[in-house]
């Protein structure tokens, strides 16, 4: 009988070869990746050959903890001492600040003065000049005022306006005296020294009166005296029935005048503490011994 294909067991034909049996070589378990070989045995062999087994990281950190801790403590101490004056850096701090207790080397005789003019003269003479703190002065720096309008110089450092041209164009310049006595001026290369910014601005209208506040434009400009009011300057009437001798919080005081509004006060005038006995004798002439 003929049976349809796919149903029932298939019988091998007379000319068909027998199917090979499934071998273990093509098993499904062999297609998985084999596990990596362990290296512990190789490490043990290497350690046994070297003869000096290394401790683990934890033991090494605990063993070297003391040395590392000491280094960290030293670094912390150095960082804490930074910026502070300690006995170890006292000498260096004194030298940085210009103070030194040791005498200069090779100086047997010297002159101590704080006058810049005298220091310049002594340096030109070739003498040793010492500061008050014992430091040797090798060169003295002095300053003058130079007008960048008329290029004149003045040694009066209190001047604000040029004594020659009258302009407010004085600049501070460092000078040094050469061996022949000539002045050598040291100018700054900074362009901001002569920056004209802020020199041109609108001027306010001039104010008048006893308490005017005008900008100082010229050297001989007249300014108000800023005096107190007449009421504040008048003497206290001792015969006034409301007068209280001595310092009194109820003394008559000026609070409504323009001078009082500008908080102008004079210690010698007006209400305030007075001498308990204004008729007390004061010594005018004292015998010199």
C-alpha atoms as a PDB file:
ATOM      1  CA  UNK A   1       0.000   0.000   0.000  1.00  0.00           C
ATOM      2  CA  UNK A   2       1.142   3.529  -0.778  1.00  0.00           C
ATOM      3  CA  UNK A   3       1.244   5.895   2.196  1.00  0.00           C
ATOM      4  CA  UNK A   4       1.396   9.659   1.882  1.00  0.00           C
ATOM      5  CA  UNK A   5       4.665  11.394   2.673  1.00  0.00           C
ATOM      6  CA  UNK A   6       5.050  12.911   6.054  1.00  0.00           C
ATOM      7  CA  UNK A   7       2.880  10.399   7.823  1.00  0.00           C
ATOM      8  CA  UNK A   8       4.249   7.477   9.696  1.00  0.00           C
ATOM      9  CA  UNK A   9       7.806   6.328  10.040  1.00  0.00           C
ATOM     10  CA  UNK A  10       9.863   6.652   6.960  1.00  0.00           C
ATOM     11  CA  UNK A  11      11.363   3.421   5.777  1.00  0.00           C
ATOM     12  CA  UNK A  12      14.745   3.509   4.232  1.00  0.00           C
ATOM     13  CA  UNK A  13      14.762   2.670   0.605  1.00  0.00           C
ATOM     14  CA  UNK A  14      16.851   0.087  -0.932  1.00  0.00           C
ATOM     15  CA  UNK A  15      19.240   2.632  -2.491  1.00  0.00           C
ATOM     16  CA  UNK A  16      19.487   5.139   0.383  1.00  0.00           C
ATOM     17  CA  UNK A  17      22.530   5.219   2.669  1.00  0.00           C
ATOM     18  CA  UNK A  18      22.067   4.911   6.396  1.00  0.00           C
ATOM     19  CA  UNK A  19      21.987   8.275   8.296  1.00  0.00           C
ATOM     20  CA  UNK A  20      25.051   8.891  10.499  1.00  0.00           C
ATOM     21  CA  UNK A  21      24.489   8.859  14.204  1.00  0.00           C
ATOM     22  CA  UNK A  22      24.754  12.152  16.124  1.00  0.00           C
ATOM     23  CA  UNK A  23      28.251  12.450  17.595  1.00  0.00           C
ATOM     24  CA  UNK A  24      29.265  14.290  20.744  1.00  0.00           C
ATOM     25  CA  UNK A  25      31.440  16.612  18.651  1.00  0.00           C
ATOM     26  CA  UNK A  26      28.462  18.615  17.430  1.00  0.00           C
ATOM     27  CA  UNK A  27      26.586  18.739  20.696  1.00  0.00           C
ATOM     28  CA  UNK A  28      24.680  21.875  21.610  1.00  0.00           C
ATOM     29  CA  UNK A  29      26.693  22.385  24.800  1.00  0.00           C
ATOM     30  CA  UNK A  30      29.935  22.769  22.852  1.00  0.00           C
ATOM     31  CA  UNK A  31      28.696  25.916  21.099  1.00  0.00           C
ATOM     32  CA  UNK A  32      28.851  27.922  24.396  1.00  0.00           C
ATOM     33  CA  UNK A  33      32.027  29.882  25.114  1.00  0.00           C
ATOM     34  CA  UNK A  34      34.247  28.004  27.520  1.00  0.00           C
ATOM     35  CA  UNK A  35      35.015  29.819  30.824  1.00  0.00           C
ATOM     36  CA  UNK A  36      38.223  31.813  31.107  1.00  0.00           C
ATOM     37  CA  UNK A  37      41.091  30.029  32.772  1.00  0.00           C
ATOM     38  CA  UNK A  38      41.744  31.101  36.342  1.00  0.00           C
ATOM     39  CA  UNK A  39      45.026  32.953  36.935  1.00  0.00           C
ATOM     40  CA  UNK A  40      45.167  32.357  40.643  1.00  0.00           C
ATOM     41  CA  UNK A  41      47.277  29.260  40.227  1.00  0.00           C
ATOM     42  CA  UNK A  42      49.729  31.090  37.938  1.00  0.00           C
ATOM     43  CA  UNK A  43      50.001  33.951  40.446  1.00  0.00           C
ATOM     44  CA  UNK A  44      50.691  31.534  43.251  1.00  0.00           C
ATOM     45  CA  UNK A  45      53.411  29.907  41.214  1.00  0.00           C
ATOM     46  CA  UNK A  46      55.008  33.284  40.451  1.00  0.00           C
ATOM     47  CA  UNK A  47      54.860  34.321  44.110  1.00  0.00           C
ATOM     48  CA  UNK A  48      56.369  31.046  45.178  1.00  0.00           C
ATOM     49  CA  UNK A  49      59.212  31.499  42.687  1.00  0.00           C
ATOM     50  CA  UNK A  50      59.970  35.098  43.739  1.00  0.00           C
ATOM     51  CA  UNK A  51      59.862  34.173  47.426  1.00  0.00           C
ATOM     52  CA  UNK A  52      58.492  37.573  48.506  1.00  0.00           C
ATOM     53  CA  UNK A  53      54.728  37.537  48.385  1.00  0.00           C
ATOM     54  CA  UNK A  54      53.176  40.989  48.158  1.00  0.00           C
ATOM     55  CA  UNK A  55      50.479  41.723  50.698  1.00  0.00           C
ATOM     56  CA  UNK A  56      47.086  42.848  49.425  1.00  0.00           C
ATOM     57  CA  UNK A  57      46.306  46.523  48.962  1.00  0.00           C
ATOM     58  CA  UNK A  58      44.390  46.766  52.210  1.00  0.00           C
ATOM     59  CA  UNK A  59      47.327  45.439  54.226  1.00  0.00           C
ATOM     60  CA  UNK A  60      49.742  47.683  52.342  1.00  0.00           C
ATOM     61  CA  UNK A  61      47.626  50.753  53.034  1.00  0.00           C
ATOM     62  CA  UNK A  62      47.394  49.835  56.724  1.00  0.00           C
ATOM     63  CA  UNK A  63      51.137  49.162  56.913  1.00  0.00           C
ATOM     64  CA  UNK A  64      52.084  52.398  55.201  1.00  0.00           C
ATOM     65  CA  UNK A  65      49.364  54.388  56.885  1.00  0.00           C
ATOM     66  CA  UNK A  66      51.700  55.784  59.489  1.00  0.00           C
ATOM     67  CA  UNK A  67      54.197  57.168  56.987  1.00  0.00           C
ATOM     68  CA  UNK A  68      51.480  58.554  54.721  1.00  0.00           C
ATOM     69  CA  UNK A  69      49.700  60.009  57.725  1.00  0.00           C
ATOM     70  CA  UNK A  70      52.893  61.695  58.893  1.00  0.00           C
ATOM     71  CA  UNK A  71      53.437  63.190  55.437  1.00  0.00           C
ATOM     72  CA  UNK A  72      49.860  64.483  55.362  1.00  0.00           C
ATOM     73  CA  UNK A  73      50.272  65.977  58.841  1.00  0.00           C
ATOM     74  CA  UNK A  74      53.485  67.716  57.767  1.00  0.00           C
ATOM     75  CA  UNK A  75      51.751  69.097  54.675  1.00  0.00           C
ATOM     76  CA  UNK A  76      48.843  70.300  56.816  1.00  0.00           C
ATOM     77  CA  UNK A  77      51.254  71.986  59.229  1.00  0.00           C
ATOM     78  CA  UNK A  78      53.059  73.680  56.346  1.00  0.00           C
ATOM     79  CA  UNK A  79      49.761  74.880  54.892  1.00  0.00           C
ATOM     80  CA  UNK A  80      48.639  76.120  58.329  1.00  0.00           C
ATOM     81  CA  UNK A  81      51.912  77.983  58.909  1.00  0.00           C
ATOM     82  CA  UNK A  82      51.709  79.692  55.533  1.00  0.00           C
ATOM     83  CA  UNK A  83      51.168  83.426  55.990  1.00  0.00           C
ATOM     84  CA  UNK A  84      52.001  83.354  59.722  1.00  0.00           C
ATOM     85  CA  UNK A  85      55.181  84.581  61.363  1.00  0.00           C
ATOM     86  CA  UNK A  86      56.736  81.720  63.289  1.00  0.00           C
ATOM     87  CA  UNK A  87      60.135  81.401  65.009  1.00  0.00           C
ATOM     88  CA  UNK A  88      61.368  79.486  61.972  1.00  0.00           C
ATOM     89  CA  UNK A  89      60.613  82.280  59.469  1.00  0.00           C
ATOM     90  CA  UNK A  90      61.054  85.261  61.804  1.00  0.00           C
ATOM     91  CA  UNK A  91      64.361  86.366  60.278  1.00  0.00           C
ATOM     92  CA  UNK A  92      62.977  86.131  56.758  1.00  0.00           C
ATOM     93  CA  UNK A  93      59.898  88.131  57.743  1.00  0.00           C
ATOM     94  CA  UNK A  94      62.081  90.830  59.306  1.00  0.00           C
ATOM     95  CA  UNK A  95      64.144  91.055  56.145  1.00  0.00           C
ATOM     96  CA  UNK A  96      61.007  91.250  54.004  1.00  0.00           C
ATOM     97  CA  UNK A  97      59.624  94.054  56.184  1.00  0.00           C
ATOM     98  CA  UNK A  98      62.968  95.878  56.191  1.00  0.00           C
ATOM     99  CA  UNK A  99      63.921  95.106  59.769  1.00  0.00           C
ATOM    100  CA  UNK A 100      67.059  93.245  60.706  1.00  0.00           C
ATOM    101  CA  UNK A 101      68.869  92.868  64.004  1.00  0.00           C
ATOM    102  CA  UNK A 102      72.203  91.880  62.501  1.00  0.00           C
ATOM    103  CA  UNK A 103      74.708  94.553  61.568  1.00  0.00           C
ATOM    104  CA  UNK A 104      75.590  94.980  57.869  1.00  0.00           C
ATOM    105  CA  UNK A 105      78.706  93.120  56.762  1.00  0.00           C
ATOM    106  CA  UNK A 106      81.795  95.241  56.184  1.00  0.00           C
ATOM    107  CA  UNK A 107      80.430  98.406  57.821  1.00  0.00           C
ATOM    108  CA  UNK A 108      82.364  99.700  60.829  1.00  0.00           C
ATOM    109  CA  UNK A 109      81.255 103.341  60.893  1.00  0.00           C
ATOM    110  CA  UNK A 110      77.974 104.752  59.625  1.00  0.00           C
ATOM    111  CA  UNK A 111      75.614 107.678  60.017  1.00  0.00           C
ATOM    112  CA  UNK A 112      71.995 107.236  61.046  1.00  0.00           C
ATOM    113  CA  UNK A 113      69.561 109.882  59.807  1.00  0.00           C
ATOM    114  CA  UNK A 114      65.995 110.068  58.542  1.00  0.00           C
ATOM    115  CA  UNK A 115      66.489 113.278  56.547  1.00  0.00           C
ATOM    116  CA  UNK A 116      66.387 112.449  52.840  1.00  0.00           C
ATOM    117  CA  UNK A 117      68.501 115.468  51.914  1.00  0.00           C
ATOM    118  CA  UNK A 118      71.166 114.472  54.422  1.00  0.00           C
ATOM    119  CA  UNK A 119      71.068 110.887  53.203  1.00  0.00           C
ATOM    120  CA  UNK A 120      71.697 112.049  49.635  1.00  0.00           C
ATOM    121  CA  UNK A 121      74.625 114.219  50.754  1.00  0.00           C
ATOM    122  CA  UNK A 122      76.179 111.391  52.775  1.00  0.00           C
ATOM    123  CA  UNK A 123      75.810 108.960  49.905  1.00  0.00           C
ATOM    124  CA  UNK A 124      77.503 111.434  47.543  1.00  0.00           C
ATOM    125  CA  UNK A 125      80.342 111.782  50.046  1.00  0.00           C
ATOM    126  CA  UNK A 126      80.810 108.016  50.075  1.00  0.00           C
ATOM    127  CA  UNK A 127      79.843 107.437  53.711  1.00  0.00           C
ATOM    128  CA  UNK A 128      77.749 104.574  54.988  1.00  0.00           C
ATOM    129  CA  UNK A 129      74.159 105.546  55.753  1.00  0.00           C
ATOM    130  CA  UNK A 130      72.127 103.390  58.120  1.00  0.00           C
ATOM    131  CA  UNK A 131      68.407 103.372  58.731  1.00  0.00           C
ATOM    132  CA  UNK A 132      66.840 103.459  62.174  1.00  0.00           C
ATOM    133  CA  UNK A 133      66.292  99.686  62.089  1.00  0.00           C
ATOM    134  CA  UNK A 134      69.969  99.048  61.289  1.00  0.00           C
ATOM    135  CA  UNK A 135      69.664  98.373  57.563  1.00  0.00           C
ATOM    136  CA  UNK A 136      72.286  99.762  55.197  1.00  0.00           C
ATOM    137  CA  UNK A 137      70.921 102.362  52.764  1.00  0.00           C
ATOM    138  CA  UNK A 138      72.620 101.936  49.409  1.00  0.00           C
ATOM    139  CA  UNK A 139      70.625 104.540  47.518  1.00  0.00           C
ATOM    140  CA  UNK A 140      68.087 107.159  48.568  1.00  0.00           C
ATOM    141  CA  UNK A 141      65.035 107.791  46.455  1.00  0.00           C
ATOM    142  CA  UNK A 142      63.499 111.233  46.499  1.00  0.00           C
ATOM    143  CA  UNK A 143      60.598 112.761  44.626  1.00  0.00           C
ATOM    144  CA  UNK A 144      59.850 116.100  43.027  1.00  0.00           C
ATOM    145  CA  UNK A 145      56.841 117.586  41.278  1.00  0.00           C
ATOM    146  CA  UNK A 146      57.137 118.149  37.532  1.00  0.00           C
ATOM    147  CA  UNK A 147      54.657 120.145  35.497  1.00  0.00           C
ATOM    148  CA  UNK A 148      53.745 118.406  32.245  1.00  0.00           C
ATOM    149  CA  UNK A 149      52.437 121.730  30.901  1.00  0.00           C
ATOM    150  CA  UNK A 150      55.518 123.955  31.176  1.00  0.00           C
ATOM    151  CA  UNK A 151      58.023 121.173  32.144  1.00  0.00           C
ATOM    152  CA  UNK A 152      59.182 123.047  35.240  1.00  0.00           C
ATOM    153  CA  UNK A 153      60.005 121.266  38.479  1.00  0.00           C
ATOM    154  CA  UNK A 154      59.519 122.108  42.125  1.00  0.00           C
ATOM    155  CA  UNK A 155      60.682 120.364  45.283  1.00  0.00           C
ATOM    156  CA  UNK A 156      57.747 121.627  47.364  1.00  0.00           C
ATOM    157  CA  UNK A 157      55.595 118.507  47.624  1.00  0.00           C
ATOM    158  CA  UNK A 158      52.696 120.453  49.150  1.00  0.00           C
ATOM    159  CA  UNK A 159      52.005 122.321  45.905  1.00  0.00           C
ATOM    160  CA  UNK A 160      48.854 121.501  43.974  1.00  0.00           C
ATOM    161  CA  UNK A 161      49.194 124.086  41.197  1.00  0.00           C
ATOM    162  CA  UNK A 162      52.344 124.789  39.238  1.00  0.00           C
ATOM    163  CA  UNK A 163      54.125 127.864  40.692  1.00  0.00           C
ATOM    164  CA  UNK A 164      55.258 128.906  37.175  1.00  0.00           C
ATOM    165  CA  UNK A 165      52.242 128.445  34.907  1.00  0.00           C
ATOM    166  CA  UNK A 166      49.536 128.141  37.568  1.00  0.00           C
ATOM    167  CA  UNK A 167      47.896 125.037  36.096  1.00  0.00           C
ATOM    168  CA  UNK A 168      46.943 121.917  37.987  1.00  0.00           C
ATOM    169  CA  UNK A 169      49.401 119.808  36.003  1.00  0.00           C
ATOM    170  CA  UNK A 170      51.931 118.659  38.601  1.00  0.00           C
ATOM    171  CA  UNK A 171      52.978 115.017  38.620  1.00  0.00           C
ATOM    172  CA  UNK A 172      55.129 113.166  41.126  1.00  0.00           C
ATOM    173  CA  UNK A 173      58.436 112.005  39.614  1.00  0.00           C
ATOM    174  CA  UNK A 174      61.221 109.979  41.222  1.00  0.00           C
ATOM    175  CA  UNK A 175      64.696 111.515  40.941  1.00  0.00           C
ATOM    176  CA  UNK A 176      68.199 110.385  41.791  1.00  0.00           C
ATOM    177  CA  UNK A 177      71.376 112.412  42.171  1.00  0.00           C
ATOM    178  CA  UNK A 178      74.330 111.352  40.042  1.00  0.00           C
ATOM    179  CA  UNK A 179      77.992 111.577  41.029  1.00  0.00           C
ATOM    180  CA  UNK A 180      78.404 115.036  39.498  1.00  0.00           C
ATOM    181  CA  UNK A 181      75.374 116.383  41.406  1.00  0.00           C
ATOM    182  CA  UNK A 182      72.929 116.464  38.505  1.00  0.00           C
ATOM    183  CA  UNK A 183      69.351 115.287  38.895  1.00  0.00           C
ATOM    184  CA  UNK A 184      68.226 112.284  36.914  1.00  0.00           C
ATOM    185  CA  UNK A 185      64.441 111.934  36.634  1.00  0.00           C
ATOM    186  CA  UNK A 186      62.856 108.497  36.270  1.00  0.00           C
ATOM    187  CA  UNK A 187      59.667 108.671  34.211  1.00  0.00           C
ATOM    188  CA  UNK A 188      57.013 106.003  34.150  1.00  0.00           C
ATOM    189  CA  UNK A 189      56.264 104.152  30.938  1.00  0.00           C
ATOM    190  CA  UNK A 190      52.666 103.643  31.964  1.00  0.00           C
ATOM    191  CA  UNK A 191      50.488 105.708  29.586  1.00  0.00           C
ATOM    192  CA  UNK A 192      47.789 106.006  32.260  1.00  0.00           C
ATOM    193  CA  UNK A 193      49.980 108.396  34.245  1.00  0.00           C
ATOM    194  CA  UNK A 194      49.101 111.224  31.856  1.00  0.00           C
ATOM    195  CA  UNK A 195      45.602 110.038  31.023  1.00  0.00           C
ATOM    196  CA  UNK A 196      43.503 113.114  30.081  1.00  0.00           C
ATOM    197  CA  UNK A 197      40.270 111.349  30.979  1.00  0.00           C
ATOM    198  CA  UNK A 198      38.203 113.272  33.484  1.00  0.00           C
ATOM    199  CA  UNK A 199      39.975 116.609  32.980  1.00  0.00           C
ATOM    200  CA  UNK A 200      37.218 118.154  30.865  1.00  0.00           C
ATOM    201  CA  UNK A 201      33.921 118.502  32.669  1.00  0.00           C
ATOM    202  CA  UNK A 202      31.266 121.232  32.966  1.00  0.00           C
ATOM    203  CA  UNK A 203      31.841 123.636  35.843  1.00  0.00           C
ATOM    204  CA  UNK A 204      28.938 124.652  38.051  1.00  0.00           C
ATOM    205  CA  UNK A 205      27.904 128.260  38.344  1.00  0.00           C
ATOM    206  CA  UNK A 206      29.860 130.180  41.000  1.00  0.00           C
ATOM    207  CA  UNK A 207      28.108 130.399  44.342  1.00  0.00           C
ATOM    208  CA  UNK A 208      28.096 133.385  46.636  1.00  0.00           C
ATOM    209  CA  UNK A 209      27.488 133.886  50.294  1.00  0.00           C
ATOM    210  CA  UNK A 210      29.237 133.035  53.519  1.00  0.00           C
ATOM    211  CA  UNK A 211      29.110 129.272  52.994  1.00  0.00           C
ATOM    212  CA  UNK A 212      29.708 128.831  49.272  1.00  0.00           C
ATOM    213  CA  UNK A 213      31.153 125.566  48.005  1.00  0.00           C
ATOM    214  CA  UNK A 214      33.070 126.223  44.774  1.00  0.00           C
ATOM    215  CA  UNK A 215      35.670 123.980  43.099  1.00  0.00           C
ATOM    216  CA  UNK A 216      39.315 124.897  43.669  1.00  0.00           C
ATOM    217  CA  UNK A 217      40.524 126.079  40.253  1.00  0.00           C
ATOM    218  CA  UNK A 218      43.486 128.398  40.965  1.00  0.00           C
ATOM    219  CA  UNK A 219      45.965 128.663  43.800  1.00  0.00           C
ATOM    220  CA  UNK A 220      45.030 132.200  44.918  1.00  0.00           C
ATOM    221  CA  UNK A 221      41.286 131.531  44.859  1.00  0.00           C
ATOM    222  CA  UNK A 222      39.405 133.053  47.780  1.00  0.00           C
ATOM    223  CA  UNK A 223      37.227 130.799  49.872  1.00  0.00           C
ATOM    224  CA  UNK A 224      34.670 131.680  52.548  1.00  0.00           C
ATOM    225  CA  UNK A 225      35.819 131.577  56.146  1.00  0.00           C
ATOM    226  CA  UNK A 226      33.012 129.227  57.176  1.00  0.00           C
ATOM    227  CA  UNK A 227      32.395 131.234  60.355  1.00  0.00           C
ATOM    228  CA  UNK A 228      29.665 130.579  62.845  1.00  0.00           C
ATOM    229  CA  UNK A 229      26.562 132.707  63.079  1.00  0.00           C
ATOM    230  CA  UNK A 230      26.414 135.804  65.264  1.00  0.00           C
ATOM    231  CA  UNK A 231      24.092 134.102  67.681  1.00  0.00           C
ATOM    232  CA  UNK A 232      26.472 131.191  68.096  1.00  0.00           C
ATOM    233  CA  UNK A 233      29.454 133.521  68.522  1.00  0.00           C
ATOM    234  CA  UNK A 234      27.895 135.854  71.064  1.00  0.00           C
ATOM    235  CA  UNK A 235      29.024 135.493  74.640  1.00  0.00           C
ATOM    236  CA  UNK A 236      26.710 134.004  77.216  1.00  0.00           C
ATOM    237  CA  UNK A 237      25.073 136.543  79.489  1.00  0.00           C
ATOM    238  CA  UNK A 238      25.843 135.533  83.051  1.00  0.00           C
ATOM    239  CA  UNK A 239      23.211 137.946  84.385  1.00  0.00           C
ATOM    240  CA  UNK A 240      20.461 136.200  82.508  1.00  0.00           C
ATOM    241  CA  UNK A 241      18.024 134.642  85.004  1.00  0.00           C
ATOM    242  CA  UNK A 242      17.930 131.471  82.878  1.00  0.00           C
ATOM    243  CA  UNK A 243      21.733 131.140  82.950  1.00  0.00           C
ATOM    244  CA  UNK A 244      23.179 128.069  84.659  1.00  0.00           C
ATOM    245  CA  UNK A 245      26.842 128.096  85.573  1.00  0.00           C
ATOM    246  CA  UNK A 246      29.063 125.290  84.354  1.00  0.00           C
ATOM    247  CA  UNK A 247      28.234 122.716  81.737  1.00  0.00           C
ATOM    248  CA  UNK A 248      24.494 122.629  81.234  1.00  0.00           C
ATOM    249  CA  UNK A 249      22.514 120.535  78.754  1.00  0.00           C
ATOM    250  CA  UNK A 250      20.007 123.395  78.575  1.00  0.00           C
ATOM    251  CA  UNK A 251      22.515 126.011  77.412  1.00  0.00           C
ATOM    252  CA  UNK A 252      21.424 128.192  74.545  1.00  0.00           C
ATOM    253  CA  UNK A 253      22.462 126.667  71.251  1.00  0.00           C
ATOM    254  CA  UNK A 254      22.047 127.733  67.621  1.00  0.00           C
ATOM    255  CA  UNK A 255      20.207 125.163  65.502  1.00  0.00           C
ATOM    256  CA  UNK A 256      18.429 127.276  62.858  1.00  0.00           C
ATOM    257  CA  UNK A 257      21.234 129.196  61.103  1.00  0.00           C
ATOM    258  CA  UNK A 258      22.947 128.131  57.901  1.00  0.00           C
ATOM    259  CA  UNK A 259      26.152 127.358  59.795  1.00  0.00           C
ATOM    260  CA  UNK A 260      24.256 125.068  62.149  1.00  0.00           C
ATOM    261  CA  UNK A 261      22.640 123.269  59.212  1.00  0.00           C
ATOM    262  CA  UNK A 262      26.101 122.712  57.703  1.00  0.00           C
ATOM    263  CA  UNK A 263      27.298 121.334  61.081  1.00  0.00           C
ATOM    264  CA  UNK A 264      29.941 124.029  61.505  1.00  0.00           C
ATOM    265  CA  UNK A 265      31.153 124.082  65.076  1.00  0.00           C
ATOM    266  CA  UNK A 266      33.801 125.998  66.974  1.00  0.00           C
ATOM    267  CA  UNK A 267      35.049 124.477  70.204  1.00  0.00           C
ATOM    268  CA  UNK A 268      35.968 127.855  71.669  1.00  0.00           C
ATOM    269  CA  UNK A 269      32.596 129.475  70.989  1.00  0.00           C
ATOM    270  CA  UNK A 270      28.973 128.674  71.535  1.00  0.00           C
ATOM    271  CA  UNK A 271      27.366 126.436  74.116  1.00  0.00           C
ATOM    272  CA  UNK A 272      29.421 123.681  75.625  1.00  0.00           C
ATOM    273  CA  UNK A 273      31.688 122.850  78.513  1.00  0.00           C
ATOM    274  CA  UNK A 274      33.295 125.919  80.087  1.00  0.00           C
ATOM    275  CA  UNK A 275      35.928 126.385  82.720  1.00  0.00           C
ATOM    276  CA  UNK A 276      34.525 126.112  86.223  1.00  0.00           C
ATOM    277  CA  UNK A 277      36.378 129.269  87.279  1.00  0.00           C
ATOM    278  CA  UNK A 278      37.085 131.611  84.365  1.00  0.00           C
ATOM    279  CA  UNK A 279      38.921 134.003  86.726  1.00  0.00           C
ATOM    280  CA  UNK A 280      41.508 131.413  87.715  1.00  0.00           C
ATOM    281  CA  UNK A 281      45.102 132.620  87.451  1.00  0.00           C
ATOM    282  CA  UNK A 282      47.165 131.017  84.699  1.00  0.00           C
ATOM    283  CA  UNK A 283      50.950 131.042  84.672  1.00  0.00           C
ATOM    284  CA  UNK A 284      52.275 133.015  81.747  1.00  0.00           C
ATOM    285  CA  UNK A 285      55.962 132.990  82.555  1.00  0.00           C
ATOM    286  CA  UNK A 286      57.757 129.911  83.788  1.00  0.00           C
ATOM    287  CA  UNK A 287      61.279 130.162  85.112  1.00  0.00           C
ATOM    288  CA  UNK A 288      63.751 128.035  83.217  1.00  0.00           C
ATOM    289  CA  UNK A 289      66.180 126.007  85.211  1.00  0.00           C
END
